[in-house]
Protein backbone atom coordinates (compact mmCIF):
# COMPACT_ATOMS: atom_id res chain seq x y z
CA MET A 1 -4.21 -3.71 10.78
CA SER A 2 -0.46 -2.49 11.93
CA GLY A 3 0.21 -0.09 9.22
CA CYS A 4 -0.34 2.85 7.71
CA PHE A 5 -3.80 2.19 5.86
CA ILE A 6 -5.61 2.09 9.37
CA ALA A 7 -3.84 1.64 12.23
CA GLU A 8 -1.82 4.80 12.07
CA SER A 9 -4.16 6.34 9.52
CA THR A 10 -7.16 6.13 12.83
CA ARG A 11 -5.25 7.01 15.06
CA GLN A 12 -3.88 10.74 13.43
CA LEU A 13 -7.99 11.04 12.95
CA GLU A 14 -8.25 11.64 16.20
CA GLN A 15 -6.74 14.86 16.34
CA PHE A 16 -9.28 15.98 13.96
CA GLY A 17 -12.27 15.12 16.14
CA VAL A 18 -12.98 11.44 14.09
CA THR A 19 -12.94 8.59 16.39
CA SER A 20 -13.17 5.34 15.06
CA SER A 21 -14.36 1.90 15.66
CA ILE A 22 -12.16 -0.83 13.73
CA ILE A 23 -13.64 -4.45 12.55
CA ALA A 24 -11.42 -6.58 10.87
CA VAL A 25 -12.69 -8.97 8.64
CA ALA A 26 -11.41 -12.68 7.14
CA PRO A 27 -12.80 -15.63 5.84
CA ILE A 28 -13.26 -18.54 7.98
CA HIS A 29 -11.13 -20.58 6.18
CA HIS A 30 -8.07 -18.52 6.47
CA ARG A 31 -6.01 -18.82 10.02
CA ARG A 32 -7.73 -17.13 12.90
CA LYS A 33 -5.78 -14.24 13.64
CA GLU A 34 -6.21 -12.06 16.96
CA PRO A 35 -6.03 -7.74 17.59
CA ALA A 36 -2.48 -6.84 18.05
CA PRO A 37 -2.23 -4.70 21.25
CA SER A 38 -0.78 -1.44 18.85
CA ALA A 39 -3.56 -2.12 16.19
CA PRO A 40 -6.66 -2.62 18.06
CA ALA A 41 -9.97 -3.95 16.56
CA ASP A 42 -12.97 -6.65 16.97
CA TRP A 43 -11.80 -9.67 14.22
CA VAL A 44 -15.05 -11.09 12.44
CA ARG A 45 -14.93 -14.62 10.20
CA TYR A 46 -17.32 -14.75 7.68
CA PRO A 47 -18.10 -17.96 5.30
CA GLN A 48 -16.64 -17.58 1.33
CA ILE A 49 -16.08 -20.07 -1.19
CA PRO A 50 -12.32 -20.29 -1.34
CA GLY A 51 -10.29 -18.45 -3.53
CA ASN A 52 -11.84 -15.87 -5.96
CA LEU A 53 -14.75 -17.94 -7.35
CA GLY A 54 -16.15 -16.89 -3.81
CA LEU A 55 -14.85 -13.06 -3.98
CA SER A 56 -18.70 -11.91 -5.74
CA SER A 57 -20.57 -13.34 -3.18
CA ALA A 58 -18.32 -12.38 -0.46
CA GLY A 59 -19.97 -9.10 0.56
CA ARG A 60 -22.74 -10.55 1.35
CA TRP A 61 -21.73 -13.32 3.35
CA LEU A 62 -19.96 -10.91 5.24
CA PHE A 63 -22.83 -8.27 5.35
CA ALA A 64 -25.16 -11.12 6.97
CA ARG A 65 -22.35 -11.69 9.75
CA LEU A 66 -22.37 -8.23 9.93
CA LEU A 67 -25.69 -7.68 10.62
CA ALA A 68 -25.92 -7.96 14.26
CA GLU A 69 -22.16 -6.24 15.53
CA VAL A 70 -22.70 -2.93 13.53
CA PRO A 71 -26.31 -2.50 14.53
CA ARG A 72 -24.92 -3.31 18.13
CA LEU A 73 -22.12 -0.52 17.90
CA HIS A 74 -24.48 1.66 16.44
CA ARG A 75 -26.85 1.84 19.21
CA LYS A 76 -23.88 1.94 21.55
CA ARG A 77 -21.79 5.19 19.74
CA PRO A 78 -24.10 6.20 16.64
CA ILE A 79 -21.74 6.24 13.65
CA ASP A 80 -21.67 9.04 11.10
CA VAL A 81 -19.75 7.12 8.34
CA ILE A 82 -18.77 3.56 7.61
CA HIS A 83 -15.25 3.47 5.85
CA ALA A 84 -14.59 0.37 3.53
CA HIS A 85 -11.53 -0.47 2.14
CA SER A 86 -11.33 -2.32 -1.28
CA ALA A 87 -14.85 -2.77 -2.95
CA LEU A 88 -15.07 -6.31 -2.70
CA PRO A 89 -15.44 -7.93 0.41
CA CYS A 90 -15.44 -4.50 2.41
CA GLY A 91 -17.49 -2.79 0.01
CA HIS A 92 -20.09 -4.43 -1.04
CA ALA A 93 -20.89 -5.53 2.84
CA ALA A 94 -20.47 -1.39 3.65
CA ALA A 95 -23.23 -0.68 0.83
CA LEU A 96 -25.58 -3.74 2.05
CA LEU A 97 -24.93 -2.23 5.51
CA SER A 98 -25.44 1.38 4.40
CA ARG A 99 -28.80 0.67 2.92
CA HIS A 100 -30.12 -1.33 6.14
CA LEU A 101 -29.11 1.25 8.81
CA ASN A 102 -29.29 4.86 6.27
CA ILE A 103 -25.32 5.81 7.15
CA PRO A 104 -23.61 6.78 4.10
CA PHE A 105 -20.45 4.85 3.17
CA VAL A 106 -17.13 5.46 1.41
CA VAL A 107 -14.83 3.52 -0.22
CA THR A 108 -10.78 3.33 -0.54
CA LEU A 109 -9.13 1.68 -3.47
CA HIS A 110 -5.82 0.55 -2.42
CA GLY A 111 -4.32 -0.81 -6.14
CA LEU A 112 -5.03 -1.39 -9.54
CA ASP A 113 -7.23 -3.56 -10.01
CA VAL A 114 -10.18 -1.67 -9.69
CA PHE A 115 -12.40 -4.01 -11.19
CA ASN A 116 -11.12 -7.21 -9.38
CA THR A 117 -10.82 -9.21 -12.87
CA CYS A 118 -7.34 -9.96 -12.69
CA LEU A 119 -7.17 -13.19 -10.98
CA LEU A 120 -9.56 -16.35 -12.33
CA GLY A 121 -10.85 -14.63 -15.79
CA GLY A 122 -14.30 -15.54 -17.73
CA VAL A 123 -17.63 -15.60 -16.72
CA PRO A 124 -16.00 -14.75 -12.68
CA ALA A 125 -14.24 -11.90 -13.45
CA GLU A 126 -17.65 -10.40 -14.94
CA TRP A 127 -19.34 -11.21 -11.60
CA ARG A 128 -16.70 -9.44 -10.23
CA ARG A 129 -16.44 -6.86 -12.15
CA ARG A 130 -20.45 -6.07 -11.72
CA ALA A 131 -20.02 -6.48 -8.00
CA SER A 132 -17.00 -3.75 -7.85
CA ILE A 133 -19.12 -1.29 -10.18
CA ASN A 134 -22.35 -1.20 -7.41
CA VAL A 135 -20.33 -0.81 -4.85
CA TYR A 136 -18.14 2.46 -6.27
CA ARG A 137 -22.24 3.64 -7.46
CA ALA A 138 -23.56 3.01 -4.16
CA ALA A 139 -20.79 4.89 -2.60
CA ARG A 140 -20.51 8.85 -1.49
CA MET A 141 -17.34 8.77 -2.70
CA ALA A 142 -14.59 6.67 -3.65
CA ILE A 143 -10.95 7.75 -2.94
CA CYS A 144 -8.16 6.23 -5.04
CA ILE A 145 -4.71 6.54 -3.44
CA SER A 146 -3.25 8.04 -6.29
CA ASP A 147 -4.29 9.59 -10.07
CA ARG A 148 -3.70 6.35 -11.64
CA VAL A 149 -6.24 4.57 -9.77
CA GLN A 150 -8.68 7.41 -10.08
CA ARG A 151 -7.95 7.13 -14.50
CA LEU A 152 -8.90 3.57 -13.78
CA LEU A 153 -12.09 3.96 -12.10
CA ARG A 154 -13.08 6.58 -14.12
CA ASP A 155 -12.35 4.84 -17.27
CA GLY A 156 -13.76 1.39 -16.43
CA MET A 157 -17.09 3.33 -15.30
CA GLN A 158 -20.14 3.73 -17.85
CA GLU A 159 -21.27 6.52 -15.57
CA GLY A 160 -19.15 8.95 -13.44
CA VAL A 161 -19.14 7.96 -10.10
CA PRO A 162 -17.87 10.59 -7.27
CA SER A 163 -13.99 9.94 -6.53
CA THR A 164 -11.09 11.79 -5.11
CA VAL A 165 -7.58 11.38 -4.81
CA VAL A 166 -5.89 10.49 -0.89
CA TYR A 167 -2.03 10.10 -1.28
CA ASN A 168 -1.11 7.58 1.62
CA GLY A 169 0.44 9.40 4.89
CA THR A 170 3.72 8.28 6.20
CA ASP A 171 4.88 9.20 10.01
CA THR A 172 7.86 11.31 9.34
CA ASP A 173 8.61 10.58 13.08
CA PHE A 174 8.82 7.10 13.23
CA PHE A 175 10.19 7.01 9.13
CA SER A 176 13.12 9.09 9.56
CA PRO A 177 16.76 9.89 8.92
CA ALA A 178 19.30 8.08 11.24
CA ARG A 179 20.82 10.25 13.82
CA GLY A 180 23.91 11.33 12.84
CA GLY A 181 23.59 10.68 9.26
CA PRO A 182 24.06 7.35 7.37
CA PRO A 183 25.83 4.81 9.06
CA ARG A 184 30.11 4.69 7.88
CA GLN A 185 30.58 0.93 7.00
CA PRO A 186 31.98 -0.58 4.27
CA GLY A 187 30.44 -1.44 0.82
CA SER A 188 26.96 -0.21 -0.14
CA GLU A 189 23.60 -1.73 0.93
CA ILE A 190 20.32 -2.08 -1.79
CA LEU A 191 16.87 -2.65 0.82
CA ILE A 192 14.07 -3.90 -1.13
CA VAL A 193 10.75 -4.47 0.81
CA GLY A 194 7.53 -6.12 -0.50
CA ASN A 195 5.80 -9.18 -1.23
CA LEU A 196 7.87 -11.99 -2.91
CA ASN A 197 5.20 -12.18 -6.09
CA ALA A 198 6.31 -11.68 -9.60
CA ALA A 199 4.82 -8.04 -10.08
CA LYS A 200 7.24 -6.45 -7.18
CA GLY A 201 10.09 -6.79 -9.55
CA HIS A 202 12.19 -8.74 -7.60
CA GLU A 203 14.05 -10.88 -10.47
CA LEU A 204 14.75 -7.66 -12.33
CA ALA A 205 16.61 -6.66 -9.32
CA LEU A 206 18.69 -9.68 -8.79
CA ARG A 207 19.74 -9.31 -12.17
CA ALA A 208 20.41 -5.66 -12.10
CA VAL A 209 22.72 -6.75 -9.09
CA ARG A 210 24.36 -9.25 -10.82
CA GLN A 211 25.07 -6.62 -13.78
CA ILE A 212 26.59 -4.52 -11.36
CA GLY A 213 28.60 -7.19 -9.46
CA ALA A 214 32.20 -6.48 -10.83
CA SER A 215 31.88 -3.13 -10.08
CA PHE A 216 30.52 -2.99 -6.45
CA PRO A 217 32.44 -6.24 -5.53
CA GLN A 218 31.18 -5.04 -1.61
CA LEU A 219 27.35 -4.89 -2.59
CA ARG A 220 24.82 -6.09 -0.44
CA CYS A 221 20.96 -6.43 -1.15
CA ARG A 222 18.86 -7.40 1.77
CA ILE A 223 14.89 -8.41 1.14
CA ILE A 224 12.27 -7.87 3.46
CA GLY A 225 9.31 -9.88 2.89
CA GLU A 226 7.70 -13.08 2.11
CA GLY A 227 5.45 -14.66 -0.16
CA SER A 228 4.91 -17.43 -2.93
CA GLY A 229 7.83 -16.12 -5.19
CA ARG A 230 10.85 -16.97 -2.45
CA ALA A 231 11.96 -20.29 -3.39
CA ARG A 232 12.18 -19.41 -7.12
CA PHE A 233 14.20 -15.91 -6.34
CA GLU A 234 16.39 -17.51 -3.72
CA ALA A 235 17.00 -20.69 -7.09
CA LEU A 236 17.54 -17.16 -9.08
CA ALA A 237 20.29 -15.82 -6.95
CA ARG A 238 22.20 -18.65 -6.53
CA GLU A 239 21.73 -19.45 -10.66
CA LEU A 240 23.13 -15.62 -10.99
CA GLY A 241 25.80 -16.37 -8.77
CA ILE A 242 25.08 -13.33 -6.13
CA GLU A 243 23.63 -15.81 -3.35
CA PRO A 244 26.31 -14.83 -1.04
CA GLN A 245 25.44 -10.48 -1.45
CA VAL A 246 21.65 -11.20 -1.08
CA ARG A 247 19.64 -11.92 2.10
CA PHE A 248 16.04 -13.48 2.53
CA GLU A 249 15.09 -11.97 5.42
CA GLY A 250 11.44 -12.70 5.59
CA ARG A 251 8.95 -10.61 6.99
CA LYS A 252 9.72 -7.69 9.50
CA SER A 253 8.20 -5.76 12.11
CA ARG A 254 7.38 -1.95 11.07
CA SER A 255 10.64 -0.80 13.57
CA GLU A 256 12.73 -3.19 11.80
CA VAL A 257 11.47 -2.28 8.42
CA ALA A 258 12.16 1.73 9.44
CA ASP A 259 15.58 0.48 11.26
CA ALA A 260 16.48 -1.37 7.22
CA MET A 261 15.44 1.98 5.44
CA ARG A 262 17.58 3.90 7.80
CA ALA A 263 21.13 1.53 7.43
CA CYS A 264 20.55 1.31 3.36
CA THR A 265 22.12 3.19 0.96
CA VAL A 266 19.52 2.69 -1.87
CA PHE A 267 16.22 1.39 -1.41
CA LEU A 268 14.91 -0.42 -4.50
CA LEU A 269 11.42 -1.79 -5.69
CA PRO A 270 11.10 -2.02 -9.77
CA SER A 271 7.53 -2.96 -9.16
CA ARG A 272 5.11 -2.83 -12.18
CA TYR A 273 1.83 -3.25 -10.81
CA GLU A 274 1.82 -0.42 -7.84
CA GLY A 275 -1.18 1.68 -7.14
CA LEU A 276 1.03 4.01 -5.39
CA GLY A 277 3.38 1.95 -2.92
CA CYS A 278 4.31 2.84 0.93
CA VAL A 279 7.41 1.68 1.40
CA TYR A 280 8.65 4.31 -1.18
CA LEU A 281 7.33 6.96 0.80
CA GLU A 282 8.83 5.10 4.15
CA ALA A 283 12.13 5.19 2.34
CA MET A 284 11.82 8.48 1.41
CA ALA A 285 11.15 9.72 4.89
CA CYS A 286 14.31 7.96 6.25
CA GLY A 287 15.86 10.47 3.78
CA LYS A 288 16.73 7.92 1.22
CA PRO A 289 17.06 7.79 -2.77
CA VAL A 290 14.57 5.45 -3.75
CA ILE A 291 14.35 3.71 -7.51
CA ALA A 292 10.92 2.72 -8.90
CA CYS A 293 9.09 2.51 -12.11
CA GLN A 294 7.67 4.68 -14.60
CA GLY A 295 3.68 4.12 -15.31
CA GLN A 296 3.44 3.62 -11.54
CA GLY A 297 1.45 5.68 -8.45
CA ILE A 298 4.88 6.58 -7.29
CA ASP A 299 5.71 8.36 -10.08
CA GLU A 300 3.14 11.02 -9.18
CA ILE A 301 5.37 11.70 -6.47
CA VAL A 302 9.23 11.10 -7.23
CA GLU A 303 10.89 13.33 -9.90
CA HIS A 304 13.55 11.40 -11.70
CA GLY A 305 16.86 12.78 -10.31
CA LYS A 306 15.34 15.69 -8.21
CA ASN A 307 13.78 13.66 -5.36
CA GLY A 308 14.51 9.97 -6.65
CA TRP A 309 15.25 8.08 -9.97
CA LEU A 310 12.36 6.85 -12.38
CA ILE A 311 13.24 3.56 -14.82
CA PRO A 312 10.91 1.76 -17.44
CA ALA A 313 9.33 -1.00 -16.14
CA GLU A 314 11.47 -3.94 -16.92
CA GLY A 315 14.40 -2.28 -17.89
CA LEU A 316 17.18 -4.11 -16.84
CA ASP A 317 20.18 -2.14 -18.88
CA GLU A 318 18.20 1.69 -16.70
CA LEU A 319 17.92 -0.33 -13.32
CA ALA A 320 22.00 -1.50 -13.61
CA ARG A 321 22.63 1.64 -14.87
CA GLY A 322 21.09 3.71 -12.14
CA LEU A 323 22.49 1.87 -9.05
CA SER A 324 25.83 2.26 -10.67
CA THR A 325 25.30 6.53 -10.39
CA LEU A 326 23.98 6.10 -6.81
CA LEU A 327 26.43 3.88 -5.56
CA ARG A 328 29.46 5.50 -6.99
CA SER A 329 28.43 9.18 -5.71
CA PRO A 330 27.43 9.61 -1.68
CA ASP A 331 26.66 13.48 -2.25
CA LEU A 332 23.93 12.98 -5.08
CA CYS A 333 22.15 9.74 -2.70
CA SER A 334 22.30 12.58 -0.06
CA ARG A 335 21.05 15.26 -2.44
CA LEU A 336 18.24 13.34 -3.49
CA GLY A 337 17.49 11.50 0.09
CA ALA A 338 17.00 14.83 1.13
CA SER A 339 14.25 16.35 -1.19
CA ALA A 340 12.62 12.86 -0.64
CA ARG A 341 11.81 13.97 2.87
CA GLU A 342 11.10 17.31 2.29
CA THR A 343 8.34 15.93 -0.21
CA VAL A 344 6.89 13.70 2.25
CA ARG A 345 7.15 16.87 5.02
CA ASN A 346 5.22 18.57 2.68
CA GLY A 347 1.80 16.74 1.82
CA LEU A 348 2.20 13.31 2.28
CA THR A 349 2.29 12.88 6.26
CA LEU A 350 -0.28 10.81 8.33
CA SER A 351 -1.34 14.46 9.43
CA ASP A 352 -2.35 15.38 5.84
CA GLN A 353 -4.10 11.73 5.29
CA ALA A 354 -6.03 12.50 8.13
CA ARG A 355 -6.95 15.77 7.41
CA ARG A 356 -8.38 15.02 3.76
CA LEU A 357 -10.18 11.79 5.29
CA SER A 358 -12.03 13.55 7.63
CA GLN A 359 -13.27 16.38 5.22
CA ILE A 360 -14.32 13.51 2.92
CA TYR A 361 -16.33 12.19 5.93
CA ARG A 362 -17.70 14.97 7.25
CA GLU A 363 -18.94 16.27 3.08
CA ALA A 364 -20.83 12.18 3.08
CA VAL A 365 -22.70 13.19 6.43
CA ALA A 366 -23.85 16.65 4.93
CA GLY A 367 -24.67 14.89 1.83
CA ALA A 368 -26.64 12.28 3.51
CA GLY A 369 -28.51 15.06 5.36
CA GLY A 370 -26.52 14.25 9.06
CA PRO A 371 -25.14 16.62 11.30
CA PRO A 372 -22.04 18.78 10.26
């Protein structure tokens, strides 16, 4: 709600004549949330069977919960298009609202689990797959955050559905290089920003730090993020003997993340399950070389050796060599970082994202026979 998916992009949409009413949702068994001043939204809680078992039916419960709220908004200020983020549960609820109110809707696919089948397999996974397919069939447009996500959507559908790619945008003023150039400080710093789970590649990163540690005795590794894997990764750092070099800093604010990106030498996230990865774009906008994995959405943006560094998924030796190469060459880091920032400035800004979204909204309205 407070980052590039919603808050920042909707503010940018205003320059293209699009105003937004934002409804944020959470199951009733989750902790109650309140809107932040920087990200205003109406928070709505709805009933859901806990866990992935209840995800296939959650959209219907959410629709029932919104059945009074959204028509009230519509009467106050007519809604032209509904934008749902992810198929389940929001896309499912949007499809039902679209039919009920005769308002077109679009849906954004934010990750690689396009059909919501990765967790809790068997019959529940099939229910989620069918519910997701029905959402994509009903949507005026399926908005994919990368070509890879779009390919997964097309490969998994029995028939074609309207889809397009809109890369996430980045605030290049907020995420910008440090004034006066990189900070001069002893040693080098690797920064990792991401949820602490197995898919993000933290274990690979820690093992690479151990592998190059003798060559870089002053090397530090900052890890920002929270998640269920934190205790396991902290134990691994102790086991590898690199605990003094590694700092697990937990969740940080957007401004603290931007400051950390400006201060680091190299940004690293060897994720092997990434639709795109906004943190890569944010680090690139800060003028930093990023290391990412091939075969992920980000390799549509990063060109190896030109504006970043790509390694094979699970490529420990390649990661260690890449880190060593970059940490030994400040000039290479500077060149890659400068090129990375230009890449973001030329097509991956929040304004670029908002322009594409506003065009999609207007096409959706025109296709429904509404005003241009």
